[in-house]
Amino acid sequence: MPSIQSPLGALPARFRRERVLIVGCGDIGLRVAKLLAKRVRLLALTSSPDRMADLRSEGITPLPGNLDRPASLARLAGLATRVVHLAPPRGDDQAQWWRDFRTVALLQALRSRTAPASLVYGSTSGVYGDCRGERVSETRALHPATPRAQRRVDAETAVRHFGRAAHVRTSILRIPGIYAPDREGGTPRGRLLKGTPVLAPDDDVYTNHIHADDLARAVVAALWRGRPQRVYNVSDDSELKMGEYFDLAADLYGLPRPPRIARSAARDALPLLVLSFMGESRRLRNARLKSELRVNLLHPTVAAGLLAG
């Protein structure tokens, strides 16, 4: 982890410690918190009273607030020296369905007083759309094909504007499929046990993955090392098509490999959400992750990550 240097100058000692606010403190947020524990003061926004005790048990100070109620975010103004924003946009059929009003509300609250030194936003690699299996760097033009990806593009735009206008060093992490054996739903075992089919080799698509622990390490690195208004693909070194990924997992678990079906048959056999992932193919380049953030992947391939569990 990078060394932590306080930007707070000659303030009293109790204010000199870095204060990191985590917005969207789910599985990845808790992993980030564990990496930062005892080095910074940890804060987390939560809209659920039931989570208060759990957050405190992790050494995190819970802050009541709801991203869908901007007035409840006023307490965040000037509170944190660094911010991790991992909360997803709303997924309902709102009138302006391409907007991420949650991110806009958060950024307005953060800007109303002294802005943080840095902010890391967790986006999705889905903003690239279908790249026909090509290798994709962070400079590639965005072509979001789904409402959820379009809302992420809107959030990215808001984060970049916030960074320039408020002089905050923002980092946007474009994240593919997250996995980890100790993460709920974090392995393909359940899908394999159901016998859910995958595409035939001629129709198959490239997918990208990152182990949850490596993603958390990338978030922490970006908080201190990220360049201003910079985008990073946070992906491992694997180059696997989706069917190859499930075949690999099946072999590791000693389970039958999934059946293969043509794309035409998949439309009737698979849920729409699964089909949406099968409509995009790309291979993410992760050179910036390694050279600029200096993240040395603990699990450079899916095989290594699944075996580690």
C-alpha atoms as a PDB file:
ATOM      1  CA  MET A   1       0.000   0.000   0.000  1.00  0.00           C
ATOM      2  CA  PRO A   2       1.291   3.519  -0.759  1.00  0.00           C
ATOM      3  CA  SER A   3       2.505   5.673   2.080  1.00  0.00           C
ATOM      4  CA  ILE A   4      -0.164   8.006   3.428  1.00  0.00           C
ATOM      5  CA  GLN A   5       0.781  11.678   3.592  1.00  0.00           C
ATOM      6  CA  SER A   6      -1.732  14.011   5.220  1.00  0.00           C
ATOM      7  CA  PRO A   7      -2.713  17.166   3.300  1.00  0.00           C
ATOM      8  CA  LEU A   8      -4.077  18.716   6.491  1.00  0.00           C
ATOM      9  CA  GLY A   9      -1.067  20.740   7.535  1.00  0.00           C
ATOM     10  CA  ALA A  10      -0.878  22.108  11.085  1.00  0.00           C
ATOM     11  CA  LEU A  11      -4.372  21.208  12.250  1.00  0.00           C
ATOM     12  CA  PRO A  12      -4.740  19.684  15.743  1.00  0.00           C
ATOM     13  CA  ALA A  13      -3.542  16.077  15.890  1.00  0.00           C
ATOM     14  CA  ARG A  14      -7.042  14.609  16.025  1.00  0.00           C
ATOM     15  CA  PHE A  15      -7.797  16.158  12.605  1.00  0.00           C
ATOM     16  CA  ARG A  16      -4.534  15.213  10.899  1.00  0.00           C
ATOM     17  CA  ARG A  17      -5.432  11.594  10.304  1.00  0.00           C
ATOM     18  CA  GLU A  18      -6.729  10.893   6.807  1.00  0.00           C
ATOM     19  CA  ARG A  19     -10.477  10.340   6.706  1.00  0.00           C
ATOM     20  CA  VAL A  20     -11.642   7.978   3.965  1.00  0.00           C
ATOM     21  CA  LEU A  21     -15.343   7.890   3.131  1.00  0.00           C
ATOM     22  CA  ILE A  22     -16.682   4.746   1.433  1.00  0.00           C
ATOM     23  CA  VAL A  23     -19.951   5.171  -0.446  1.00  0.00           C
ATOM     24  CA  GLY A  24     -21.395   1.802  -1.386  1.00  0.00           C
ATOM     25  CA  CYS A  25     -19.689  -0.204   1.360  1.00  0.00           C
ATOM     26  CA  GLY A  26     -20.577  -3.709   0.227  1.00  0.00           C
ATOM     27  CA  ASP A  27     -18.163  -6.588  -0.284  1.00  0.00           C
ATOM     28  CA  ILE A  28     -15.514  -4.558  -2.132  1.00  0.00           C
ATOM     29  CA  GLY A  29     -15.892  -1.599   0.201  1.00  0.00           C
ATOM     30  CA  LEU A  30     -15.283  -3.839   3.215  1.00  0.00           C
ATOM     31  CA  ARG A  31     -12.185  -5.286   1.540  1.00  0.00           C
ATOM     32  CA  VAL A  32     -10.919  -1.749   0.959  1.00  0.00           C
ATOM     33  CA  ALA A  33     -11.623  -0.935   4.604  1.00  0.00           C
ATOM     34  CA  LYS A  34      -9.576  -3.911   5.785  1.00  0.00           C
ATOM     35  CA  LEU A  35      -6.600  -2.739   3.732  1.00  0.00           C
ATOM     36  CA  LEU A  36      -6.839   0.718   5.275  1.00  0.00           C
ATOM     37  CA  ALA A  37      -7.687  -0.303   8.835  1.00  0.00           C
ATOM     38  CA  LYS A  38      -5.642   1.422  11.581  1.00  0.00           C
ATOM     39  CA  ARG A  39      -3.986   3.703   9.010  1.00  0.00           C
ATOM     40  CA  VAL A  40      -6.874   6.080   8.389  1.00  0.00           C
ATOM     41  CA  ARG A  41     -10.209   6.940   9.949  1.00  0.00           C
ATOM     42  CA  LEU A  42     -12.880   5.003   8.051  1.00  0.00           C
ATOM     43  CA  LEU A  43     -16.346   6.354   7.347  1.00  0.00           C
ATOM     44  CA  ALA A  44     -19.171   4.758   5.376  1.00  0.00           C
ATOM     45  CA  LEU A  45     -22.473   6.120   4.118  1.00  0.00           C
ATOM     46  CA  THR A  46     -25.383   3.798   4.777  1.00  0.00           C
ATOM     47  CA  SER A  47     -29.139   4.047   4.302  1.00  0.00           C
ATOM     48  CA  SER A  48     -29.777   0.934   6.407  1.00  0.00           C
ATOM     49  CA  PRO A  49     -29.996   1.209  10.212  1.00  0.00           C
ATOM     50  CA  ASP A  50     -29.484  -2.558  10.349  1.00  0.00           C
ATOM     51  CA  ARG A  51     -25.923  -2.149   9.038  1.00  0.00           C
ATOM     52  CA  MET A  52     -24.762   0.295  11.689  1.00  0.00           C
ATOM     53  CA  ALA A  53     -23.529  -2.316  14.157  1.00  0.00           C
ATOM     54  CA  ASP A  54     -21.846  -4.400  11.441  1.00  0.00           C
ATOM     55  CA  LEU A  55     -19.935  -1.398  10.113  1.00  0.00           C
ATOM     56  CA  ARG A  56     -18.801  -0.414  13.604  1.00  0.00           C
ATOM     57  CA  SER A  57     -17.556  -3.960  14.193  1.00  0.00           C
ATOM     58  CA  GLU A  58     -15.289  -3.482  11.160  1.00  0.00           C
ATOM     59  CA  GLY A  59     -13.838  -0.278  12.615  1.00  0.00           C
ATOM     60  CA  ILE A  60     -15.949   1.916  10.321  1.00  0.00           C
ATOM     61  CA  THR A  61     -17.968   4.913  11.493  1.00  0.00           C
ATOM     62  CA  PRO A  62     -21.422   4.691   9.871  1.00  0.00           C
ATOM     63  CA  LEU A  63     -22.994   7.877   8.510  1.00  0.00           C
ATOM     64  CA  PRO A  64     -26.757   7.778   7.919  1.00  0.00           C
ATOM     65  CA  GLY A  65     -27.715   9.031   4.482  1.00  0.00           C
ATOM     66  CA  ASN A  66     -29.405   8.029   1.248  1.00  0.00           C
ATOM     67  CA  LEU A  67     -28.116   8.802  -2.241  1.00  0.00           C
ATOM     68  CA  ASP A  68     -31.723   8.994  -3.434  1.00  0.00           C
ATOM     69  CA  ARG A  69     -32.411  11.782  -0.915  1.00  0.00           C
ATOM     70  CA  PRO A  70     -29.843  14.534  -1.605  1.00  0.00           C
ATOM     71  CA  ALA A  71     -30.790  16.529   1.490  1.00  0.00           C
ATOM     72  CA  SER A  72     -29.582  13.645   3.668  1.00  0.00           C
ATOM     73  CA  LEU A  73     -26.063  13.989   2.236  1.00  0.00           C
ATOM     74  CA  ALA A  74     -25.364  17.460   3.647  1.00  0.00           C
ATOM     75  CA  ARG A  75     -23.413  15.937   6.549  1.00  0.00           C
ATOM     76  CA  LEU A  76     -20.766  14.702   4.085  1.00  0.00           C
ATOM     77  CA  ALA A  77     -19.581  18.200   3.172  1.00  0.00           C
ATOM     78  CA  GLY A  78     -15.926  18.690   4.110  1.00  0.00           C
ATOM     79  CA  LEU A  79     -15.891  15.500   6.152  1.00  0.00           C
ATOM     80  CA  ALA A  80     -13.522  13.232   4.193  1.00  0.00           C
ATOM     81  CA  THR A  81     -10.039  13.807   2.823  1.00  0.00           C
ATOM     82  CA  ARG A  82     -10.520  10.960   0.299  1.00  0.00           C
ATOM     83  CA  VAL A  83     -13.619   9.256  -1.099  1.00  0.00           C
ATOM     84  CA  VAL A  84     -14.324   5.811  -2.571  1.00  0.00           C
ATOM     85  CA  HIS A  85     -17.557   5.774  -4.583  1.00  0.00           C
ATOM     86  CA  LEU A  86     -18.732   2.230  -5.330  1.00  0.00           C
ATOM     87  CA  ALA A  87     -22.505   2.723  -5.253  1.00  0.00           C
ATOM     88  CA  PRO A  88     -24.321   1.716  -8.458  1.00  0.00           C
ATOM     89  CA  PRO A  89     -26.822   3.956 -10.238  1.00  0.00           C
ATOM     90  CA  ARG A  90     -30.509   3.312  -9.813  1.00  0.00           C
ATOM     91  CA  GLY A  91     -31.820   0.649 -12.153  1.00  0.00           C
ATOM     92  CA  ASP A  92     -35.471   1.621 -12.398  1.00  0.00           C
ATOM     93  CA  ASP A  93     -37.397   3.137 -15.297  1.00  0.00           C
ATOM     94  CA  GLN A  94     -36.963   6.759 -14.298  1.00  0.00           C
ATOM     95  CA  ALA A  95     -37.815   9.448 -16.850  1.00  0.00           C
ATOM     96  CA  GLN A  96     -34.187  10.288 -17.581  1.00  0.00           C
ATOM     97  CA  TRP A  97     -33.039   6.673 -17.506  1.00  0.00           C
ATOM     98  CA  TRP A  98     -29.524   7.460 -18.795  1.00  0.00           C
ATOM     99  CA  ARG A  99     -28.715   9.752 -15.832  1.00  0.00           C
ATOM    100  CA  ASP A 100     -27.009   8.717 -12.595  1.00  0.00           C
ATOM    101  CA  PHE A 101     -28.626  11.133 -10.165  1.00  0.00           C
ATOM    102  CA  ARG A 102     -27.024   9.365  -7.204  1.00  0.00           C
ATOM    103  CA  THR A 103     -23.516  10.321  -8.311  1.00  0.00           C
ATOM    104  CA  VAL A 104     -24.602  13.883  -9.077  1.00  0.00           C
ATOM    105  CA  ALA A 105     -26.121  14.232  -5.592  1.00  0.00           C
ATOM    106  CA  LEU A 106     -22.992  12.862  -3.906  1.00  0.00           C
ATOM    107  CA  LEU A 107     -20.635  15.146  -5.825  1.00  0.00           C
ATOM    108  CA  GLN A 108     -22.755  18.208  -5.075  1.00  0.00           C
ATOM    109  CA  ALA A 109     -22.602  17.404  -1.366  1.00  0.00           C
ATOM    110  CA  LEU A 110     -18.836  16.855  -1.432  1.00  0.00           C
ATOM    111  CA  ARG A 111     -18.277  20.139  -3.248  1.00  0.00           C
ATOM    112  CA  SER A 112     -20.371  22.294  -0.923  1.00  0.00           C
ATOM    113  CA  ARG A 113     -17.393  22.730   1.438  1.00  0.00           C
ATOM    114  CA  THR A 114     -13.717  21.740   1.254  1.00  0.00           C
ATOM    115  CA  ALA A 115     -13.496  19.043  -1.395  1.00  0.00           C
ATOM    116  CA  PRO A 116     -11.524  15.825  -0.808  1.00  0.00           C
ATOM    117  CA  ALA A 117      -7.983  15.438  -2.128  1.00  0.00           C
ATOM    118  CA  SER A 118      -8.948  12.409  -4.238  1.00  0.00           C
ATOM    119  CA  LEU A 119     -11.976  10.410  -5.293  1.00  0.00           C
ATOM    120  CA  VAL A 120     -12.108   6.928  -6.817  1.00  0.00           C
ATOM    121  CA  TYR A 121     -15.201   5.921  -8.777  1.00  0.00           C
ATOM    122  CA  GLY A 122     -15.972   2.279  -9.577  1.00  0.00           C
ATOM    123  CA  SER A 123     -17.425   2.145 -13.096  1.00  0.00           C
ATOM    124  CA  THR A 124     -17.876  -0.808 -15.463  1.00  0.00           C
ATOM    125  CA  SER A 125     -16.084  -2.084 -18.541  1.00  0.00           C
ATOM    126  CA  GLY A 126     -19.544  -2.255 -20.107  1.00  0.00           C
ATOM    127  CA  VAL A 127     -19.136   1.398 -21.132  1.00  0.00           C
ATOM    128  CA  TYR A 128     -17.041   0.182 -24.087  1.00  0.00           C
ATOM    129  CA  GLY A 129     -19.895  -1.858 -25.558  1.00  0.00           C
ATOM    130  CA  ASP A 130     -19.160  -4.654 -27.993  1.00  0.00           C
ATOM    131  CA  CYS A 131     -15.568  -4.473 -29.272  1.00  0.00           C
ATOM    132  CA  ARG A 132     -15.726  -7.679 -31.357  1.00  0.00           C
ATOM    133  CA  GLY A 133     -13.015  -9.342 -29.297  1.00  0.00           C
ATOM    134  CA  GLU A 134     -10.461  -6.581 -29.827  1.00  0.00           C
ATOM    135  CA  ARG A 135      -7.969  -5.544 -27.157  1.00  0.00           C
ATOM    136  CA  VAL A 136      -9.226  -2.405 -25.453  1.00  0.00           C
ATOM    137  CA  SER A 137      -7.250   0.379 -23.799  1.00  0.00           C
ATOM    138  CA  GLU A 138      -8.658   3.257 -21.753  1.00  0.00           C
ATOM    139  CA  THR A 139      -8.537   5.641 -24.728  1.00  0.00           C
ATOM    140  CA  ARG A 140     -11.061   3.679 -26.776  1.00  0.00           C
ATOM    141  CA  ALA A 141     -14.274   5.517 -27.640  1.00  0.00           C
ATOM    142  CA  LEU A 142     -17.268   4.547 -25.504  1.00  0.00           C
ATOM    143  CA  HIS A 143     -20.306   2.823 -27.007  1.00  0.00           C
ATOM    144  CA  PRO A 144     -22.561   1.762 -24.113  1.00  0.00           C
ATOM    145  CA  ALA A 145     -25.236  -0.607 -25.347  1.00  0.00           C
ATOM    146  CA  THR A 146     -27.362  -1.047 -22.226  1.00  0.00           C
ATOM    147  CA  PRO A 147     -29.169   1.415 -19.935  1.00  0.00           C
ATOM    148  CA  ARG A 148     -26.965   0.457 -16.992  1.00  0.00           C
ATOM    149  CA  ALA A 149     -23.801   1.147 -19.036  1.00  0.00           C
ATOM    150  CA  GLN A 150     -25.197   4.470 -20.250  1.00  0.00           C
ATOM    151  CA  ARG A 151     -25.847   5.519 -16.661  1.00  0.00           C
ATOM    152  CA  ARG A 152     -22.227   4.665 -15.861  1.00  0.00           C
ATOM    153  CA  VAL A 153     -21.035   6.895 -18.705  1.00  0.00           C
ATOM    154  CA  ASP A 154     -23.143   9.700 -17.242  1.00  0.00           C
ATOM    155  CA  ALA A 155     -21.531   9.104 -13.844  1.00  0.00           C
ATOM    156  CA  GLU A 156     -18.039   9.093 -15.335  1.00  0.00           C
ATOM    157  CA  THR A 157     -18.759  12.442 -17.009  1.00  0.00           C
ATOM    158  CA  ALA A 158     -19.963  13.919 -13.730  1.00  0.00           C
ATOM    159  CA  VAL A 159     -16.894  12.630 -11.868  1.00  0.00           C
ATOM    160  CA  ARG A 160     -14.513  14.111 -14.422  1.00  0.00           C
ATOM    161  CA  HIS A 161     -16.290  17.476 -14.335  1.00  0.00           C
ATOM    162  CA  PHE A 162     -16.168  17.433 -10.530  1.00  0.00           C
ATOM    163  CA  GLY A 163     -12.449  16.703 -10.605  1.00  0.00           C
ATOM    164  CA  ARG A 164     -11.672  19.593 -12.930  1.00  0.00           C
ATOM    165  CA  ALA A 165     -14.017  22.103 -11.325  1.00  0.00           C
ATOM    166  CA  ALA A 166     -13.210  21.303  -7.680  1.00  0.00           C
ATOM    167  CA  HIS A 167      -9.507  20.502  -8.265  1.00  0.00           C
ATOM    168  CA  VAL A 168      -9.930  16.945  -7.013  1.00  0.00           C
ATOM    169  CA  ARG A 169      -7.736  14.098  -8.273  1.00  0.00           C
ATOM    170  CA  THR A 170     -10.357  11.668  -9.563  1.00  0.00           C
ATOM    171  CA  SER A 171      -9.751   8.123 -10.774  1.00  0.00           C
ATOM    172  CA  ILE A 172     -12.291   6.099 -12.735  1.00  0.00           C
ATOM    173  CA  LEU A 173     -11.889   2.335 -12.499  1.00  0.00           C
ATOM    174  CA  ARG A 174     -13.547   0.358 -15.297  1.00  0.00           C
ATOM    175  CA  ILE A 175     -14.316  -2.982 -13.725  1.00  0.00           C
ATOM    176  CA  PRO A 176     -15.227  -6.284 -15.435  1.00  0.00           C
ATOM    177  CA  GLY A 177     -16.631  -9.415 -13.766  1.00  0.00           C
ATOM    178  CA  ILE A 178     -15.638  -9.617 -10.093  1.00  0.00           C
ATOM    179  CA  TYR A 179     -15.012 -13.026  -8.569  1.00  0.00           C
ATOM    180  CA  ALA A 180     -13.632 -14.543  -5.365  1.00  0.00           C
ATOM    181  CA  PRO A 181     -14.270 -17.873  -3.638  1.00  0.00           C
ATOM    182  CA  ASP A 182     -15.246 -16.037  -0.421  1.00  0.00           C
ATOM    183  CA  ARG A 183     -17.610 -13.637  -2.181  1.00  0.00           C
ATOM    184  CA  GLU A 184     -21.333 -14.391  -2.345  1.00  0.00           C
ATOM    185  CA  GLY A 185     -22.026 -15.530  -5.890  1.00  0.00           C
ATOM    186  CA  GLY A 186     -18.348 -14.929  -6.586  1.00  0.00           C
ATOM    187  CA  THR A 187     -17.633 -18.186  -8.425  1.00  0.00           C
ATOM    188  CA  PRO A 188     -19.326 -19.970 -11.336  1.00  0.00           C
ATOM    189  CA  ARG A 189     -20.048 -23.038  -9.198  1.00  0.00           C
ATOM    190  CA  GLY A 190     -23.768 -22.299  -8.810  1.00  0.00           C
ATOM    191  CA  ARG A 191     -24.281 -21.829 -12.512  1.00  0.00           C
ATOM    192  CA  LEU A 192     -22.364 -25.009 -13.269  1.00  0.00           C
ATOM    193  CA  LEU A 193     -24.492 -26.979 -10.839  1.00  0.00           C
ATOM    194  CA  LYS A 194     -27.610 -25.737 -12.636  1.00  0.00           C
ATOM    195  CA  GLY A 195     -26.204 -26.843 -15.983  1.00  0.00           C
ATOM    196  CA  THR A 196     -26.764 -23.413 -17.548  1.00  0.00           C
ATOM    197  CA  PRO A 197     -25.510 -23.558 -21.144  1.00  0.00           C
ATOM    198  CA  VAL A 198     -22.857 -21.348 -22.721  1.00  0.00           C
ATOM    199  CA  LEU A 199     -22.340 -20.333 -26.319  1.00  0.00           C
ATOM    200  CA  ALA A 200     -20.862 -22.638 -28.926  1.00  0.00           C
ATOM    201  CA  PRO A 201     -17.204 -21.852 -29.745  1.00  0.00           C
ATOM    202  CA  ASP A 202     -18.030 -20.080 -33.019  1.00  0.00           C
ATOM    203  CA  ASP A 203     -20.460 -17.736 -31.233  1.00  0.00           C
ATOM    204  CA  ASP A 204     -18.552 -17.291 -27.995  1.00  0.00           C
ATOM    205  CA  VAL A 205     -17.345 -13.943 -26.625  1.00  0.00           C
ATOM    206  CA  TYR A 206     -14.297 -12.804 -24.676  1.00  0.00           C
ATOM    207  CA  THR A 207     -14.929 -11.882 -21.044  1.00  0.00           C
ATOM    208  CA  ASN A 208     -12.745 -10.155 -18.469  1.00  0.00           C
ATOM    209  CA  HIS A 209     -12.293 -10.762 -14.763  1.00  0.00           C
ATOM    210  CA  ILE A 210     -10.720  -9.366 -11.610  1.00  0.00           C
ATOM    211  CA  HIS A 211     -10.356 -11.002  -8.208  1.00  0.00           C
ATOM    212  CA  ALA A 212     -12.149  -9.033  -5.479  1.00  0.00           C
ATOM    213  CA  ASP A 213      -8.955  -8.659  -3.437  1.00  0.00           C
ATOM    214  CA  ASP A 214      -7.034  -7.268  -6.416  1.00  0.00           C
ATOM    215  CA  LEU A 215      -9.865  -4.824  -7.107  1.00  0.00           C
ATOM    216  CA  ALA A 216      -9.720  -3.594  -3.508  1.00  0.00           C
ATOM    217  CA  ARG A 217      -5.958  -3.126  -3.814  1.00  0.00           C
ATOM    218  CA  ALA A 218      -6.463  -1.140  -7.021  1.00  0.00           C
ATOM    219  CA  VAL A 219      -8.964   1.134  -5.269  1.00  0.00           C
ATOM    220  CA  VAL A 220      -6.482   1.866  -2.468  1.00  0.00           C
ATOM    221  CA  ALA A 221      -3.658   2.482  -4.936  1.00  0.00           C
ATOM    222  CA  ALA A 222      -5.803   4.878  -6.949  1.00  0.00           C
ATOM    223  CA  LEU A 223      -6.675   6.879  -3.819  1.00  0.00           C
ATOM    224  CA  TRP A 224      -3.018   7.889  -3.487  1.00  0.00           C
ATOM    225  CA  ARG A 225      -1.348   7.133  -6.827  1.00  0.00           C
ATOM    226  CA  GLY A 226      -4.022   7.812  -9.422  1.00  0.00           C
ATOM    227  CA  ARG A 227      -3.254  10.587 -11.880  1.00  0.00           C
ATOM    228  CA  PRO A 228      -5.730  13.484 -12.114  1.00  0.00           C
ATOM    229  CA  GLN A 229      -8.920  12.636 -14.059  1.00  0.00           C
ATOM    230  CA  ARG A 230      -7.450   9.302 -15.143  1.00  0.00           C
ATOM    231  CA  VAL A 231      -9.211   6.101 -16.249  1.00  0.00           C
ATOM    232  CA  TYR A 232      -7.930   2.613 -15.414  1.00  0.00           C
ATOM    233  CA  ASN A 233      -9.004  -0.800 -16.678  1.00  0.00           C
ATOM    234  CA  VAL A 234      -8.929  -3.014 -13.585  1.00  0.00           C
ATOM    235  CA  SER A 235      -8.656  -6.479 -15.099  1.00  0.00           C
ATOM    236  CA  ASP A 236      -6.394  -9.472 -14.692  1.00  0.00           C
ATOM    237  CA  ASP A 237      -4.166 -11.003 -17.388  1.00  0.00           C
ATOM    238  CA  SER A 238      -6.578 -13.741 -18.504  1.00  0.00           C
ATOM    239  CA  GLU A 239      -7.746 -13.886 -22.114  1.00  0.00           C
ATOM    240  CA  LEU A 240     -10.657 -16.283 -21.959  1.00  0.00           C
ATOM    241  CA  LYS A 241     -13.867 -16.675 -23.819  1.00  0.00           C
ATOM    242  CA  MET A 242     -16.896 -17.181 -21.643  1.00  0.00           C
ATOM    243  CA  GLY A 243     -17.211 -20.874 -22.416  1.00  0.00           C
ATOM    244  CA  GLU A 244     -13.515 -21.399 -21.699  1.00  0.00           C
ATOM    245  CA  TYR A 245     -13.961 -19.708 -18.327  1.00  0.00           C
ATOM    246  CA  PHE A 246     -16.783 -22.050 -17.337  1.00  0.00           C
ATOM    247  CA  ASP A 247     -14.919 -25.087 -18.698  1.00  0.00           C
ATOM    248  CA  LEU A 248     -11.887 -24.125 -16.613  1.00  0.00           C
ATOM    249  CA  ALA A 249     -13.991 -23.715 -13.484  1.00  0.00           C
ATOM    250  CA  ALA A 250     -15.794 -27.005 -14.087  1.00  0.00           C
ATOM    251  CA  ASP A 251     -12.486 -28.838 -14.387  1.00  0.00           C
ATOM    252  CA  LEU A 252     -11.171 -27.228 -11.184  1.00  0.00           C
ATOM    253  CA  TYR A 253     -14.331 -28.155  -9.271  1.00  0.00           C
ATOM    254  CA  GLY A 254     -14.630 -31.640 -10.740  1.00  0.00           C
ATOM    255  CA  LEU A 255     -18.020 -30.792 -12.261  1.00  0.00           C
ATOM    256  CA  PRO A 256     -19.407 -31.472 -15.751  1.00  0.00           C
ATOM    257  CA  ARG A 257     -18.592 -28.840 -18.318  1.00  0.00           C
ATOM    258  CA  PRO A 258     -21.635 -26.765 -19.339  1.00  0.00           C
ATOM    259  CA  PRO A 259     -23.509 -27.630 -22.531  1.00  0.00           C
ATOM    260  CA  ARG A 260     -22.812 -25.493 -25.618  1.00  0.00           C
ATOM    261  CA  ILE A 261     -25.598 -23.968 -27.675  1.00  0.00           C
ATOM    262  CA  ALA A 262     -25.797 -21.691 -30.716  1.00  0.00           C
ATOM    263  CA  ARG A 263     -26.569 -18.010 -30.206  1.00  0.00           C
ATOM    264  CA  SER A 264     -29.916 -18.441 -31.951  1.00  0.00           C
ATOM    265  CA  ALA A 265     -30.946 -21.050 -29.373  1.00  0.00           C
ATOM    266  CA  ALA A 266     -29.617 -19.002 -26.462  1.00  0.00           C
ATOM    267  CA  ARG A 267     -32.324 -16.372 -26.918  1.00  0.00           C
ATOM    268  CA  ASP A 268     -34.927 -18.896 -25.815  1.00  0.00           C
ATOM    269  CA  ALA A 269     -32.816 -20.757 -23.242  1.00  0.00           C
ATOM    270  CA  LEU A 270     -31.211 -17.979 -21.172  1.00  0.00           C
ATOM    271  CA  PRO A 271     -32.395 -14.989 -19.102  1.00  0.00           C
ATOM    272  CA  LEU A 272     -32.095 -11.530 -20.664  1.00  0.00           C
ATOM    273  CA  LEU A 273     -29.407 -10.443 -18.194  1.00  0.00           C
ATOM    274  CA  VAL A 274     -27.193 -13.412 -19.096  1.00  0.00           C
ATOM    275  CA  LEU A 275     -27.821 -12.773 -22.789  1.00  0.00           C
ATOM    276  CA  SER A 276     -26.730  -9.158 -22.440  1.00  0.00           C
ATOM    277  CA  PHE A 277     -23.264 -10.278 -21.299  1.00  0.00           C
ATOM    278  CA  MET A 278     -23.083 -12.664 -24.234  1.00  0.00           C
ATOM    279  CA  GLY A 279     -23.617  -9.800 -26.662  1.00  0.00           C
ATOM    280  CA  GLU A 280     -20.315  -8.047 -25.952  1.00  0.00           C
ATOM    281  CA  SER A 281     -16.765  -9.259 -26.564  1.00  0.00           C
ATOM    282  CA  ARG A 282     -13.563  -7.450 -25.582  1.00  0.00           C
ATOM    283  CA  ARG A 283     -10.133  -8.019 -24.050  1.00  0.00           C
ATOM    284  CA  LEU A 284      -9.132  -5.302 -21.608  1.00  0.00           C
ATOM    285  CA  ARG A 285      -5.577  -3.982 -21.531  1.00  0.00           C
ATOM    286  CA  ASN A 286      -4.310  -3.425 -17.978  1.00  0.00           C
ATOM    287  CA  ALA A 287      -0.976  -1.673 -18.613  1.00  0.00           C
ATOM    288  CA  ARG A 288      -1.974   1.482 -16.734  1.00  0.00           C
ATOM    289  CA  LEU A 289      -3.069  -0.557 -13.730  1.00  0.00           C
ATOM    290  CA  LYS A 290       0.433  -2.016 -13.493  1.00  0.00           C
ATOM    291  CA  SER A 291       2.618   0.894 -14.576  1.00  0.00           C
ATOM    292  CA  GLU A 292       0.827   3.890 -13.021  1.00  0.00           C
ATOM    293  CA  LEU A 293      -0.946   2.406 -10.013  1.00  0.00           C
ATOM    294  CA  ARG A 294       1.878  -0.136  -9.570  1.00  0.00           C
ATOM    295  CA  VAL A 295      -0.565  -2.909  -8.680  1.00  0.00           C
ATOM    296  CA  ASN A 296       1.114  -6.315  -8.654  1.00  0.00           C
ATOM    297  CA  LEU A 297      -1.794  -8.704  -9.095  1.00  0.00           C
ATOM    298  CA  LEU A 298      -2.104 -11.352  -6.403  1.00  0.00           C
ATOM    299  CA  HIS A 299      -4.264 -13.393  -8.781  1.00  0.00           C
ATOM    300  CA  PRO A 300      -3.064 -12.630 -12.327  1.00  0.00           C
ATOM    301  CA  THR A 301      -5.324 -15.252 -13.887  1.00  0.00           C
ATOM    302  CA  VAL A 302      -8.733 -16.706 -13.150  1.00  0.00           C
ATOM    303  CA  ALA A 303      -7.167 -20.137 -12.692  1.00  0.00           C
ATOM    304  CA  ALA A 304      -4.845 -18.771  -9.986  1.00  0.00           C
ATOM    305  CA  GLY A 305      -7.693 -16.936  -8.261  1.00  0.00           C
ATOM    306  CA  LEU A 306     -10.077 -19.884  -8.182  1.00  0.00           C
ATOM    307  CA  LEU A 307      -7.359 -22.261  -6.994  1.00  0.00           C
ATOM    308  CA  ALA A 308      -6.449 -19.848  -4.177  1.00  0.00           C
ATOM    309  CA  GLY A 309      -9.874 -20.410  -2.648  1.00  0.00           C
END
